[in-house]
Amino acid sequence: MIRAIVRPETADAVTDGLADSGFYSMTKMPVFGRGKQKGLTVGNTHYDELPKILIIVVVEDSSVDEVLKIIQFKAYTGSEGDGKIFISPVEKAITVRTGASGI
């Protein structure tokens, strides 16, 4: 499972890039949080938690590196707060409608 937290303005480029490469199945949701920068200060106003988009993709182990490259390329702006990617194993997946196991 790959969970990528990206800027809202790069999320469509990431999901389009994944779909263009054959990775259609994903979950995308708005989230709020902060990273090492501890929020953002604009003038006298401090924003403790910033809007981000969480993209979740479950792929075979052999596709992880390709998906990571796509996300990193499409989400990159070069500025602090571009996001974070987390990778974790999936023990089992079951399709609700059919009860079938597998990704």
PDB file of N, CA and C in Angstrom:
ATOM      1  N   MET A   1       0.852  -1.166   0.000  1.00  0.00           N
ATOM      2  CA  MET A   1       0.000   0.000   0.000  1.00  0.00           C
ATOM      3  C   MET A   1       0.896   1.227   0.000  1.00  0.00           C
ATOM      4  N   ILE A   2       0.596   2.131  -0.893  1.00  0.00           N
ATOM      5  CA  ILE A   2       1.321   3.388  -0.968  1.00  0.00           C
ATOM      6  C   ILE A   2       0.344   4.491  -0.597  1.00  0.00           C
ATOM      7  N   ARG A   3       0.702   5.255   0.430  1.00  0.00           N
ATOM      8  CA  ARG A   3      -0.104   6.403   0.844  1.00  0.00           C
ATOM      9  C   ARG A   3       0.735   7.642   0.604  1.00  0.00           C
ATOM     10  N   ALA A   4       0.247   8.506  -0.268  1.00  0.00           N
ATOM     11  CA  ALA A   4       0.966   9.733  -0.602  1.00  0.00           C
ATOM     12  C   ALA A   4       0.147  10.929  -0.150  1.00  0.00           C
ATOM     13  N   ILE A   5       0.782  11.801   0.602  1.00  0.00           N
ATOM     14  CA  ILE A   5       0.157  13.046   1.026  1.00  0.00           C
ATOM     15  C   ILE A   5       0.796  14.142   0.186  1.00  0.00           C
ATOM     16  N   VAL A   6      -0.011  14.806  -0.644  1.00  0.00           N
ATOM     17  CA  VAL A   6       0.517  15.782  -1.590  1.00  0.00           C
ATOM     18  C   VAL A   6      -0.253  17.102  -1.512  1.00  0.00           C
ATOM     19  N   ARG A   7       0.309  18.118  -2.115  1.00  0.00           N
ATOM     20  CA  ARG A   7      -0.366  19.416  -2.196  1.00  0.00           C
ATOM     21  C   ARG A   7      -1.635  19.277  -3.036  1.00  0.00           C
ATOM     22  N   PRO A   8      -2.696  19.997  -2.685  1.00  0.00           N
ATOM     23  CA  PRO A   8      -3.930  19.911  -3.470  1.00  0.00           C
ATOM     24  C   PRO A   8      -3.725  20.282  -4.944  1.00  0.00           C
ATOM     25  N   GLU A   9      -2.842  21.233  -5.211  1.00  0.00           N
ATOM     26  CA  GLU A   9      -2.646  21.667  -6.594  1.00  0.00           C
ATOM     27  C   GLU A   9      -1.863  20.669  -7.443  1.00  0.00           C
ATOM     28  N   THR A  10      -1.251  19.654  -6.823  1.00  0.00           N
ATOM     29  CA  THR A  10      -0.546  18.632  -7.601  1.00  0.00           C
ATOM     30  C   THR A  10      -1.298  17.302  -7.646  1.00  0.00           C
ATOM     31  N   ALA A  11      -2.375  17.188  -6.895  1.00  0.00           N
ATOM     32  CA  ALA A  11      -3.078  15.905  -6.761  1.00  0.00           C
ATOM     33  C   ALA A  11      -3.616  15.384  -8.094  1.00  0.00           C
ATOM     34  N   ASP A  12      -4.209  16.241  -8.904  1.00  0.00           N
ATOM     35  CA  ASP A  12      -4.745  15.783 -10.186  1.00  0.00           C
ATOM     36  C   ASP A  12      -3.631  15.311 -11.118  1.00  0.00           C
ATOM     37  N   ALA A  13      -2.497  15.993 -11.103  1.00  0.00           N
ATOM     38  CA  ALA A  13      -1.361  15.557 -11.928  1.00  0.00           C
ATOM     39  C   ALA A  13      -0.876  14.188 -11.481  1.00  0.00           C
ATOM     40  N   VAL A  14      -0.865  13.946 -10.168  1.00  0.00           N
ATOM     41  CA  VAL A  14      -0.443  12.648  -9.639  1.00  0.00           C
ATOM     42  C   VAL A  14      -1.428  11.558 -10.065  1.00  0.00           C
ATOM     43  N   THR A  15      -2.722  11.787  -9.848  1.00  0.00           N
ATOM     44  CA  THR A  15      -3.703  10.745 -10.174  1.00  0.00           C
ATOM     45  C   THR A  15      -3.789  10.520 -11.685  1.00  0.00           C
ATOM     46  N   ASP A  16      -3.675  11.579 -12.469  1.00  0.00           N
ATOM     47  CA  ASP A  16      -3.664  11.419 -13.933  1.00  0.00           C
ATOM     48  C   ASP A  16      -2.426  10.647 -14.384  1.00  0.00           C
ATOM     49  N   GLY A  17      -1.282  10.953 -13.789  1.00  0.00           N
ATOM     50  CA  GLY A  17      -0.049  10.243 -14.126  1.00  0.00           C
ATOM     51  C   GLY A  17      -0.118   8.768 -13.780  1.00  0.00           C
ATOM     52  N   LEU A  18      -0.720   8.463 -12.628  1.00  0.00           N
ATOM     53  CA  LEU A  18      -0.900   7.059 -12.253  1.00  0.00           C
ATOM     54  C   LEU A  18      -1.839   6.351 -13.231  1.00  0.00           C
ATOM     55  N   ALA A  19      -2.967   6.981 -13.551  1.00  0.00           N
ATOM     56  CA  ALA A  19      -3.934   6.374 -14.478  1.00  0.00           C
ATOM     57  C   ALA A  19      -3.316   6.185 -15.863  1.00  0.00           C
ATOM     58  N   ASP A  20      -2.558   7.174 -16.338  1.00  0.00           N
ATOM     59  CA  ASP A  20      -1.908   7.073 -17.653  1.00  0.00           C
ATOM     60  C   ASP A  20      -0.933   5.902 -17.711  1.00  0.00           C
ATOM     61  N   SER A  21      -0.405   5.502 -16.553  1.00  0.00           N
ATOM     62  CA  SER A  21       0.536   4.380 -16.496  1.00  0.00           C
ATOM     63  C   SER A  21      -0.144   3.059 -16.135  1.00  0.00           C
ATOM     64  N   GLY A  22      -1.485   3.075 -16.066  1.00  0.00           N
ATOM     65  CA  GLY A  22      -2.219   1.833 -15.831  1.00  0.00           C
ATOM     66  C   GLY A  22      -2.608   1.577 -14.385  1.00  0.00           C
ATOM     67  N   PHE A  23      -2.351   2.527 -13.505  1.00  0.00           N
ATOM     68  CA  PHE A  23      -2.713   2.367 -12.101  1.00  0.00           C
ATOM     69  C   PHE A  23      -3.991   3.165 -11.848  1.00  0.00           C
ATOM     70  N   TYR A  24      -5.127   2.553 -12.167  1.00  0.00           N
ATOM     71  CA  TYR A  24      -6.422   3.236 -12.116  1.00  0.00           C
ATOM     72  C   TYR A  24      -7.056   3.200 -10.728  1.00  0.00           C
ATOM     73  N   SER A  25      -6.849   2.120 -10.006  1.00  0.00           N
ATOM     74  CA  SER A  25      -7.521   1.924  -8.724  1.00  0.00           C
ATOM     75  C   SER A  25      -6.816   2.714  -7.633  1.00  0.00           C
ATOM     76  N   MET A  26      -7.551   3.614  -7.009  1.00  0.00           N
ATOM     77  CA  MET A  26      -6.969   4.428  -5.946  1.00  0.00           C
ATOM     78  C   MET A  26      -8.079   5.043  -5.121  1.00  0.00           C
ATOM     79  N   THR A  27      -7.711   5.536  -3.975  1.00  0.00           N
ATOM     80  CA  THR A  27      -8.603   6.309  -3.111  1.00  0.00           C
ATOM     81  C   THR A  27      -7.963   7.673  -2.945  1.00  0.00           C
ATOM     82  N   LYS A  28      -8.778   8.712  -3.047  1.00  0.00           N
ATOM     83  CA  LYS A  28      -8.267  10.088  -2.949  1.00  0.00           C
ATOM     84  C   LYS A  28      -9.187  10.859  -2.013  1.00  0.00           C
ATOM     85  N   MET A  29      -8.608  11.505  -0.997  1.00  0.00           N
ATOM     86  CA  MET A  29      -9.441  12.238  -0.042  1.00  0.00           C
ATOM     87  C   MET A  29      -8.714  13.473   0.484  1.00  0.00           C
ATOM     88  N   PRO A  30      -9.478  14.513   0.805  1.00  0.00           N
ATOM     89  CA  PRO A  30      -8.867  15.698   1.402  1.00  0.00           C
ATOM     90  C   PRO A  30      -8.533  15.447   2.863  1.00  0.00           C
ATOM     91  N   VAL A  31      -7.371  15.912   3.287  1.00  0.00           N
ATOM     92  CA  VAL A  31      -6.936  15.777   4.672  1.00  0.00           C
ATOM     93  C   VAL A  31      -6.276  17.093   5.108  1.00  0.00           C
ATOM     94  N   PHE A  32      -6.034  17.230   6.398  1.00  0.00           N
ATOM     95  CA  PHE A  32      -5.324  18.382   6.924  1.00  0.00           C
ATOM     96  C   PHE A  32      -4.206  17.887   7.824  1.00  0.00           C
ATOM     97  N   GLY A  33      -3.096  18.585   7.829  1.00  0.00           N
ATOM     98  CA  GLY A  33      -2.005  18.196   8.700  1.00  0.00           C
ATOM     99  C   GLY A  33      -0.834  19.144   8.581  1.00  0.00           C
ATOM    100  N   ARG A  34       0.259  18.752   9.207  1.00  0.00           N
ATOM    101  CA  ARG A  34       1.470  19.547   9.124  1.00  0.00           C
ATOM    102  C   ARG A  34       2.659  18.605   9.155  1.00  0.00           C
ATOM    103  N   GLY A  35       3.733  19.069   8.561  1.00  0.00           N
ATOM    104  CA  GLY A  35       4.961  18.295   8.539  1.00  0.00           C
ATOM    105  C   GLY A  35       6.014  18.950   9.414  1.00  0.00           C
ATOM    106  N   LYS A  36       7.249  18.757   9.033  1.00  0.00           N
ATOM    107  CA  LYS A  36       8.370  19.284   9.813  1.00  0.00           C
ATOM    108  C   LYS A  36       8.362  20.804   9.897  1.00  0.00           C
ATOM    109  N   GLN A  37       7.724  21.456   8.915  1.00  0.00           N
ATOM    110  CA  GLN A  37       7.717  22.915   8.910  1.00  0.00           C
ATOM    111  C   GLN A  37       6.769  23.500   9.955  1.00  0.00           C
ATOM    112  N   LYS A  38       5.982  22.638  10.615  1.00  0.00           N
ATOM    113  CA  LYS A  38       5.075  23.043  11.702  1.00  0.00           C
ATOM    114  C   LYS A  38       4.053  24.074  11.263  1.00  0.00           C
ATOM    115  N   GLY A  39       3.531  23.909  10.084  1.00  0.00           N
ATOM    116  CA  GLY A  39       2.516  24.834   9.589  1.00  0.00           C
ATOM    117  C   GLY A  39       3.128  25.904   8.708  1.00  0.00           C
ATOM    118  N   LEU A  40       2.400  27.002   8.547  1.00  0.00           N
ATOM    119  CA  LEU A  40       2.801  28.065   7.636  1.00  0.00           C
ATOM    120  C   LEU A  40       2.405  29.404   8.239  1.00  0.00           C
ATOM    121  N   THR A  41       3.305  30.364   8.191  1.00  0.00           N
ATOM    122  CA  THR A  41       2.998  31.709   8.679  1.00  0.00           C
ATOM    123  C   THR A  41       2.968  32.666   7.501  1.00  0.00           C
ATOM    124  N   VAL A  42       1.838  33.384   7.368  1.00  0.00           N
ATOM    125  CA  VAL A  42       1.672  34.394   6.337  1.00  0.00           C
ATOM    126  C   VAL A  42       1.338  35.700   7.047  1.00  0.00           C
ATOM    127  N   GLY A  43       2.269  36.637   7.014  1.00  0.00           N
ATOM    128  CA  GLY A  43       2.069  37.877   7.752  1.00  0.00           C
ATOM    129  C   GLY A  43       2.011  37.592   9.241  1.00  0.00           C
ATOM    130  N   ASN A  44       0.931  38.032   9.881  1.00  0.00           N
ATOM    131  CA  ASN A  44       0.744  37.789  11.311  1.00  0.00           C
ATOM    132  C   ASN A  44      -0.087  36.543  11.607  1.00  0.00           C
ATOM    133  N   THR A  45      -0.478  35.820  10.570  1.00  0.00           N
ATOM    134  CA  THR A  45      -1.352  34.655  10.744  1.00  0.00           C
ATOM    135  C   THR A  45      -0.559  33.362  10.590  1.00  0.00           C
ATOM    136  N   HIS A  46      -0.727  32.468  11.560  1.00  0.00           N
ATOM    137  CA  HIS A  46      -0.080  31.154  11.494  1.00  0.00           C
ATOM    138  C   HIS A  46      -1.138  30.083  11.216  1.00  0.00           C
ATOM    139  N   TYR A  47      -0.911  29.296  10.182  1.00  0.00           N
ATOM    140  CA  TYR A  47      -1.797  28.186   9.835  1.00  0.00           C
ATOM    141  C   TYR A  47      -1.131  26.916  10.342  1.00  0.00           C
ATOM    142  N   ASP A  48      -1.703  26.334  11.399  1.00  0.00           N
ATOM    143  CA  ASP A  48      -1.105  25.185  12.062  1.00  0.00           C
ATOM    144  C   ASP A  48      -1.237  23.912  11.226  1.00  0.00           C
ATOM    145  N   GLU A  49      -2.391  23.731  10.598  1.00  0.00           N
ATOM    146  CA  GLU A  49      -2.618  22.555   9.763  1.00  0.00           C
ATOM    147  C   GLU A  49      -2.990  23.025   8.366  1.00  0.00           C
ATOM    148  N   LEU A  50      -2.380  22.392   7.371  1.00  0.00           N
ATOM    149  CA  LEU A  50      -2.564  22.796   5.987  1.00  0.00           C
ATOM    150  C   LEU A  50      -3.371  21.758   5.227  1.00  0.00           C
ATOM    151  N   PRO A  51      -4.141  22.195   4.231  1.00  0.00           N
ATOM    152  CA  PRO A  51      -4.884  21.235   3.422  1.00  0.00           C
ATOM    153  C   PRO A  51      -3.938  20.441   2.524  1.00  0.00           C
ATOM    154  N   LYS A  52      -4.167  19.155   2.466  1.00  0.00           N
ATOM    155  CA  LYS A  52      -3.402  18.244   1.600  1.00  0.00           C
ATOM    156  C   LYS A  52      -4.388  17.245   1.005  1.00  0.00           C
ATOM    157  N   ILE A  53      -3.912  16.434   0.084  1.00  0.00           N
ATOM    158  CA  ILE A  53      -4.705  15.346  -0.486  1.00  0.00           C
ATOM    159  C   ILE A  53      -3.977  14.040  -0.186  1.00  0.00           C
ATOM    160  N   LEU A  54      -4.711  13.061   0.317  1.00  0.00           N
ATOM    161  CA  LEU A  54      -4.172  11.730   0.581  1.00  0.00           C
ATOM    162  C   LEU A  54      -4.603  10.817  -0.565  1.00  0.00           C
ATOM    163  N   ILE A  55      -3.617  10.227  -1.214  1.00  0.00           N
ATOM    164  CA  ILE A  55      -3.863   9.283  -2.307  1.00  0.00           C
ATOM    165  C   ILE A  55      -3.372   7.913  -1.843  1.00  0.00           C
ATOM    166  N   ILE A  56      -4.256   6.934  -1.908  1.00  0.00           N
ATOM    167  CA  ILE A  56      -3.915   5.572  -1.493  1.00  0.00           C
ATOM    168  C   ILE A  56      -3.988   4.664  -2.717  1.00  0.00           C
ATOM    169  N   VAL A  57      -2.910   3.935  -2.955  1.00  0.00           N
ATOM    170  CA  VAL A  57      -2.832   3.009  -4.084  1.00  0.00           C
ATOM    171  C   VAL A  57      -2.282   1.690  -3.558  1.00  0.00           C
ATOM    172  N   VAL A  58      -2.924   0.602  -3.912  1.00  0.00           N
ATOM    173  CA  VAL A  58      -2.410  -0.723  -3.555  1.00  0.00           C
ATOM    174  C   VAL A  58      -1.979  -1.401  -4.848  1.00  0.00           C
ATOM    175  N   VAL A  59      -0.696  -1.766  -4.907  1.00  0.00           N
ATOM    176  CA  VAL A  59      -0.133  -2.372  -6.113  1.00  0.00           C
ATOM    177  C   VAL A  59       0.703  -3.589  -5.743  1.00  0.00           C
ATOM    178  N   GLU A  60       1.002  -4.382  -6.738  1.00  0.00           N
ATOM    179  CA  GLU A  60       1.910  -5.517  -6.550  1.00  0.00           C
ATOM    180  C   GLU A  60       3.303  -4.983  -6.190  1.00  0.00           C
ATOM    181  N   ASP A  61       4.083  -5.770  -5.466  1.00  0.00           N
ATOM    182  CA  ASP A  61       5.431  -5.369  -5.062  1.00  0.00           C
ATOM    183  C   ASP A  61       6.273  -4.938  -6.264  1.00  0.00           C
ATOM    184  N   SER A  62       6.107  -5.598  -7.382  1.00  0.00           N
ATOM    185  CA  SER A  62       6.912  -5.297  -8.571  1.00  0.00           C
ATOM    186  C   SER A  62       6.600  -3.925  -9.169  1.00  0.00           C
ATOM    187  N   SER A  63       5.488  -3.312  -8.790  1.00  0.00           N
ATOM    188  CA  SER A  63       5.102  -2.000  -9.326  1.00  0.00           C
ATOM    189  C   SER A  63       5.399  -0.839  -8.381  1.00  0.00           C
ATOM    190  N   VAL A  64       5.856  -1.124  -7.175  1.00  0.00           N
ATOM    191  CA  VAL A  64       6.052  -0.074  -6.178  1.00  0.00           C
ATOM    192  C   VAL A  64       7.015   1.002  -6.671  1.00  0.00           C
ATOM    193  N   ASP A  65       8.164   0.625  -7.199  1.00  0.00           N
ATOM    194  CA  ASP A  65       9.156   1.617  -7.639  1.00  0.00           C
ATOM    195  C   ASP A  65       8.599   2.510  -8.745  1.00  0.00           C
ATOM    196  N   GLU A  66       7.865   1.939  -9.685  1.00  0.00           N
ATOM    197  CA  GLU A  66       7.278   2.726 -10.766  1.00  0.00           C
ATOM    198  C   GLU A  66       6.267   3.741 -10.228  1.00  0.00           C
ATOM    199  N   VAL A  67       5.409   3.297  -9.316  1.00  0.00           N
ATOM    200  CA  VAL A  67       4.409   4.192  -8.726  1.00  0.00           C
ATOM    201  C   VAL A  67       5.088   5.301  -7.931  1.00  0.00           C
ATOM    202  N   LEU A  68       6.128   4.972  -7.178  1.00  0.00           N
ATOM    203  CA  LEU A  68       6.866   5.989  -6.423  1.00  0.00           C
ATOM    204  C   LEU A  68       7.461   7.048  -7.345  1.00  0.00           C
ATOM    205  N   LYS A  69       8.048   6.628  -8.456  1.00  0.00           N
ATOM    206  CA  LYS A  69       8.633   7.580  -9.407  1.00  0.00           C
ATOM    207  C   LYS A  69       7.574   8.517  -9.970  1.00  0.00           C
ATOM    208  N   ILE A  70       6.412   7.980 -10.306  1.00  0.00           N
ATOM    209  CA  ILE A  70       5.326   8.805 -10.841  1.00  0.00           C
ATOM    210  C   ILE A  70       4.885   9.833  -9.811  1.00  0.00           C
ATOM    211  N   ILE A  71       4.646   9.385  -8.589  1.00  0.00           N
ATOM    212  CA  ILE A  71       4.181  10.304  -7.542  1.00  0.00           C
ATOM    213  C   ILE A  71       5.227  11.390  -7.285  1.00  0.00           C
ATOM    214  N   GLN A  72       6.478  10.996  -7.126  1.00  0.00           N
ATOM    215  CA  GLN A  72       7.523  11.973  -6.845  1.00  0.00           C
ATOM    216  C   GLN A  72       7.667  12.985  -7.982  1.00  0.00           C
ATOM    217  N   PHE A  73       7.600  12.539  -9.214  1.00  0.00           N
ATOM    218  CA  PHE A  73       7.743  13.439 -10.368  1.00  0.00           C
ATOM    219  C   PHE A  73       6.558  14.398 -10.465  1.00  0.00           C
ATOM    220  N   LYS A  74       5.355  13.880 -10.319  1.00  0.00           N
ATOM    221  CA  LYS A  74       4.152  14.695 -10.501  1.00  0.00           C
ATOM    222  C   LYS A  74       3.871  15.616  -9.308  1.00  0.00           C
ATOM    223  N   ALA A  75       4.291  15.235  -8.106  1.00  0.00           N
ATOM    224  CA  ALA A  75       4.004  16.036  -6.915  1.00  0.00           C
ATOM    225  C   ALA A  75       5.097  17.057  -6.611  1.00  0.00           C
ATOM    226  N   TYR A  76       6.220  16.977  -7.293  1.00  0.00           N
ATOM    227  CA  TYR A  76       7.372  17.824  -6.985  1.00  0.00           C
ATOM    228  C   TYR A  76       7.163  19.270  -7.426  1.00  0.00           C
ATOM    229  N   THR A  77       7.343  20.204  -6.489  1.00  0.00           N
ATOM    230  CA  THR A  77       7.369  21.627  -6.825  1.00  0.00           C
ATOM    231  C   THR A  77       8.716  22.228  -6.447  1.00  0.00           C
ATOM    232  N   GLY A  78       9.453  21.547  -5.580  1.00  0.00           N
ATOM    233  CA  GLY A  78      10.735  22.049  -5.117  1.00  0.00           C
ATOM    234  C   GLY A  78      10.628  22.894  -3.868  1.00  0.00           C
ATOM    235  N   SER A  79       9.418  23.105  -3.400  1.00  0.00           N
ATOM    236  CA  SER A  79       9.206  23.910  -2.193  1.00  0.00           C
ATOM    237  C   SER A  79       8.935  23.008  -1.003  1.00  0.00           C
ATOM    238  N   GLU A  80       9.202  23.542   0.175  1.00  0.00           N
ATOM    239  CA  GLU A  80       8.890  22.818   1.399  1.00  0.00           C
ATOM    240  C   GLU A  80       7.396  22.515   1.433  1.00  0.00           C
ATOM    241  N   GLY A  81       7.028  21.325   1.868  1.00  0.00           N
ATOM    242  CA  GLY A  81       5.623  20.956   1.960  1.00  0.00           C
ATOM    243  C   GLY A  81       5.092  20.220   0.747  1.00  0.00           C
ATOM    244  N   ASP A  82       5.997  19.694  -0.103  1.00  0.00           N
ATOM    245  CA  ASP A  82       5.558  18.936  -1.275  1.00  0.00           C
ATOM    246  C   ASP A  82       4.826  17.658  -0.897  1.00  0.00           C
ATOM    247  N   GLY A  83       5.106  17.105   0.281  1.00  0.00           N
ATOM    248  CA  GLY A  83       4.375  15.932   0.721  1.00  0.00           C
ATOM    249  C   GLY A  83       5.258  14.838   1.267  1.00  0.00           C
ATOM    250  N   LYS A  84       4.635  13.701   1.472  1.00  0.00           N
ATOM    251  CA  LYS A  84       5.310  12.542   2.051  1.00  0.00           C
ATOM    252  C   LYS A  84       4.664  11.299   1.477  1.00  0.00           C
ATOM    253  N   ILE A  85       5.465  10.238   1.328  1.00  0.00           N
ATOM    254  CA  ILE A  85       4.969   8.958   0.817  1.00  0.00           C
ATOM    255  C   ILE A  85       5.283   7.884   1.845  1.00  0.00           C
ATOM    256  N   PHE A  86       4.279   7.075   2.152  1.00  0.00           N
ATOM    257  CA  PHE A  86       4.443   5.970   3.099  1.00  0.00           C
ATOM    258  C   PHE A  86       4.143   4.663   2.366  1.00  0.00           C
ATOM    259  N   ILE A  87       4.954   3.654   2.611  1.00  0.00           N
ATOM    260  CA  ILE A  87       4.772   2.351   1.971  1.00  0.00           C
ATOM    261  C   ILE A  87       4.632   1.306   3.069  1.00  0.00           C
ATOM    262  N   SER A  88       3.604   0.457   2.941  1.00  0.00           N
ATOM    263  CA  SER A  88       3.415  -0.607   3.927  1.00  0.00           C
ATOM    264  C   SER A  88       2.836  -1.837   3.233  1.00  0.00           C
ATOM    265  N   PRO A  89       3.103  -3.011   3.785  1.00  0.00           N
ATOM    266  CA  PRO A  89       2.572  -4.241   3.184  1.00  0.00           C
ATOM    267  C   PRO A  89       1.072  -4.374   3.423  1.00  0.00           C
ATOM    268  N   VAL A  90       0.422  -5.065   2.509  1.00  0.00           N
ATOM    269  CA  VAL A  90      -1.000  -5.390   2.641  1.00  0.00           C
ATOM    270  C   VAL A  90      -1.081  -6.903   2.805  1.00  0.00           C
ATOM    271  N   GLU A  91      -1.633  -7.348   3.900  1.00  0.00           N
ATOM    272  CA  GLU A  91      -1.718  -8.777   4.188  1.00  0.00           C
ATOM    273  C   GLU A  91      -2.761  -9.476   3.329  1.00  0.00           C
ATOM    274  N   LYS A  92      -3.880  -8.792   3.106  1.00  0.00           N
ATOM    275  CA  LYS A  92      -4.967  -9.425   2.370  1.00  0.00           C
ATOM    276  C   LYS A  92      -5.921  -8.345   1.885  1.00  0.00           C
ATOM    277  N   ALA A  93      -6.531  -8.567   0.733  1.00  0.00           N
ATOM    278  CA  ALA A  93      -7.557  -7.665   0.212  1.00  0.00           C
ATOM    279  C   ALA A  93      -8.748  -8.512  -0.229  1.00  0.00           C
ATOM    280  N   ILE A  94      -9.939  -8.074   0.100  1.00  0.00           N
ATOM    281  CA  ILE A  94     -11.152  -8.812  -0.243  1.00  0.00           C
ATOM    282  C   ILE A  94     -12.127  -7.865  -0.931  1.00  0.00           C
ATOM    283  N   THR A  95     -12.638  -8.268  -2.073  1.00  0.00           N
ATOM    284  CA  THR A  95     -13.640  -7.489  -2.784  1.00  0.00           C
ATOM    285  C   THR A  95     -14.990  -7.691  -2.121  1.00  0.00           C
ATOM    286  N   VAL A  96     -15.638  -6.611  -1.722  1.00  0.00           N
ATOM    287  CA  VAL A  96     -16.898  -6.697  -0.983  1.00  0.00           C
ATOM    288  C   VAL A  96     -17.965  -7.418  -1.811  1.00  0.00           C
ATOM    289  N   ARG A  97     -18.126  -7.025  -3.072  1.00  0.00           N
ATOM    290  CA  ARG A  97     -19.213  -7.575  -3.896  1.00  0.00           C
ATOM    291  C   ARG A  97     -19.096  -9.086  -4.115  1.00  0.00           C
ATOM    292  N   THR A  98     -17.862  -9.554  -4.403  1.00  0.00           N
ATOM    293  CA  THR A  98     -17.692 -10.968  -4.778  1.00  0.00           C
ATOM    294  C   THR A  98     -17.105 -11.839  -3.668  1.00  0.00           C
ATOM    295  N   GLY A  99     -16.456 -11.202  -2.716  1.00  0.00           N
ATOM    296  CA  GLY A  99     -15.762 -11.958  -1.675  1.00  0.00           C
ATOM    297  C   GLY A  99     -14.414 -12.493  -2.129  1.00  0.00           C
ATOM    298  N   ALA A 100     -14.002 -12.164  -3.363  1.00  0.00           N
ATOM    299  CA  ALA A 100     -12.727 -12.638  -3.898  1.00  0.00           C
ATOM    300  C   ALA A 100     -11.557 -11.991  -3.176  1.00  0.00           C
ATOM    301  N   SER A 101     -10.497 -12.773  -2.968  1.00  0.00           N
ATOM    302  CA  SER A 101      -9.270 -12.264  -2.357  1.00  0.00           C
ATOM    303  C   SER A 101      -8.279 -11.871  -3.438  1.00  0.00           C
ATOM    304  N   GLY A 102      -7.469 -10.876  -3.132  1.00  0.00           N
ATOM    305  CA  GLY A 102      -6.422 -10.440  -4.055  1.00  0.00           C
ATOM    306  C   GLY A 102      -6.532  -8.972  -4.374  1.00  0.00           C
ATOM    307  N   ILE A 103      -5.457  -8.432  -4.882  1.00  0.00           N
ATOM    308  CA  ILE A 103      -5.420  -6.993  -5.194  1.00  0.00           C
ATOM    309  C   ILE A 103      -6.204  -6.676  -6.437  1.00  0.00           C
TER     310      ILE A 103
END
